[in-house]
Protein backbone atom coordinates (compact mmCIF):
# COMPACT_ATOMS: atom_id res chain seq x y z
CA MET A 1 9.51 -24.32 -3.61
CA ASP A 2 6.43 -21.95 -4.65
CA PHE A 3 5.81 -22.11 -0.34
CA GLU A 4 8.91 -20.37 0.09
CA ILE A 5 8.88 -17.88 -2.86
CA PHE A 6 5.11 -17.35 -1.18
CA LYS A 7 7.07 -16.78 2.80
CA LYS A 8 9.64 -14.11 0.71
CA GLU A 9 6.71 -12.29 -0.94
CA PHE A 10 4.45 -12.31 2.26
CA ILE A 11 7.68 -11.35 4.66
CA ASP A 12 8.94 -8.42 1.73
CA ILE A 13 5.08 -6.64 1.68
CA CYS A 14 5.34 -6.96 5.83
CA ALA A 15 8.41 -5.11 5.90
CA ALA A 16 6.59 -2.32 3.69
CA TRP A 17 4.13 -1.82 5.30
CA ARG A 18 6.02 -2.09 8.73
CA ILE A 19 4.06 -4.22 10.33
CA PRO A 20 5.12 -7.55 12.78
CA ILE A 21 5.77 -10.85 10.61
CA PRO A 22 3.26 -13.28 11.20
CA HIS A 23 4.50 -17.17 11.94
CA ILE A 24 4.07 -18.67 8.32
CA HIS A 25 2.91 -21.85 8.09
CA GLU A 26 1.84 -24.21 5.18
CA SER A 27 -0.78 -25.03 5.85
CA ALA A 28 -1.96 -29.30 6.45
CA ASP A 29 -5.46 -29.35 5.82
CA PHE A 30 -4.73 -27.69 1.88
CA SER A 31 -6.65 -24.27 3.43
CA ASN A 32 -5.26 -21.19 4.46
CA HIS A 33 -6.11 -19.85 7.82
CA THR A 34 -5.02 -16.06 9.18
CA SER A 35 -5.12 -15.01 12.96
CA ALA A 36 -2.59 -12.11 13.69
CA THR A 37 0.11 -13.75 14.90
CA ASP A 38 0.40 -17.05 12.53
CA ILE A 39 -0.60 -17.51 9.42
CA HIS A 40 -1.11 -21.73 7.82
CA VAL A 41 -1.27 -21.57 4.34
CA TYR A 42 -1.36 -23.59 1.38
CA VAL A 43 0.05 -22.36 -2.15
CA GLU A 44 -1.75 -24.11 -5.02
CA PRO A 45 0.91 -25.69 -8.14
CA GLY A 46 1.06 -23.13 -10.89
CA GLU A 47 -0.53 -21.09 -8.48
CA ASP A 48 0.28 -16.84 -9.07
CA VAL A 49 2.00 -16.77 -5.70
CA ALA A 50 2.87 -12.36 -5.44
CA PHE A 51 -1.44 -12.20 -5.83
CA HIS A 52 -1.47 -15.42 -3.45
CA ALA A 53 0.68 -13.31 -0.69
CA ALA A 54 -0.65 -9.81 -1.54
CA HIS A 55 -4.24 -11.97 -0.84
CA ILE A 56 -3.02 -13.69 2.26
CA PHE A 57 -1.91 -10.58 2.92
CA GLY A 58 -5.68 -8.45 3.52
CA HIS A 59 -6.63 -11.30 5.54
CA TYR A 60 -3.57 -10.97 7.96
CA LEU A 61 -4.53 -7.17 8.06
CA CYS A 62 -7.38 -8.18 9.26
CA ASP A 63 -6.48 -9.59 11.90
CA LEU A 64 -3.81 -8.02 12.49
CA HIS A 65 -5.85 -5.05 13.31
CA GLY A 66 -8.62 -5.89 15.17
CA ASP A 67 -5.56 -7.94 17.64
CA ASN A 68 -2.96 -5.37 18.09
CA GLU A 69 -3.93 -2.10 19.03
CA LYS A 70 -0.64 -0.13 17.98
CA TYR A 71 -0.94 -0.98 14.79
CA GLN A 72 -5.20 -0.10 14.22
CA ASP A 73 -4.90 2.91 13.22
CA LYS A 74 -1.78 2.28 10.84
CA ILE A 75 -3.98 0.07 8.85
CA ALA A 76 -6.86 2.09 9.04
CA ASN A 77 -5.34 5.04 8.01
CA ARG A 78 -3.95 3.03 4.83
CA ILE A 79 -7.43 1.74 3.72
CA ALA A 80 -8.54 5.45 4.08
CA ARG A 81 -6.15 6.08 1.66
CA TRP A 82 -7.14 3.64 -0.26
CA ALA A 83 -10.78 4.34 -0.27
CA THR A 84 -10.56 7.92 -1.57
CA GLN A 85 -8.50 7.34 -4.48
CA LYS A 86 -10.55 7.92 -7.30
CA GLU A 87 -10.08 5.26 -9.69
CA GLU A 88 -11.67 2.37 -9.59
CA ILE A 89 -10.16 -0.38 -6.78
CA ALA A 90 -11.37 -3.63 -7.48
């Protein structure tokens, strides 16, 4: 059930950013792996699924930025907006 919630959260984030939705798989080795086309994710029981989806999305963005020229500027511009914020991001 948590995996299905994760998928929905992740897809919603991709849709909001208007970027491709990768193939999303439940991880067989209890680890997370991302690429520009696929993610394999393990959702720990009781984990904050929305935060986990956002965290894995960050990894996916890095992969997509490095692998897909069409989205490099879009991703870099969003990061640039974060970098120019005056408040602490961490």
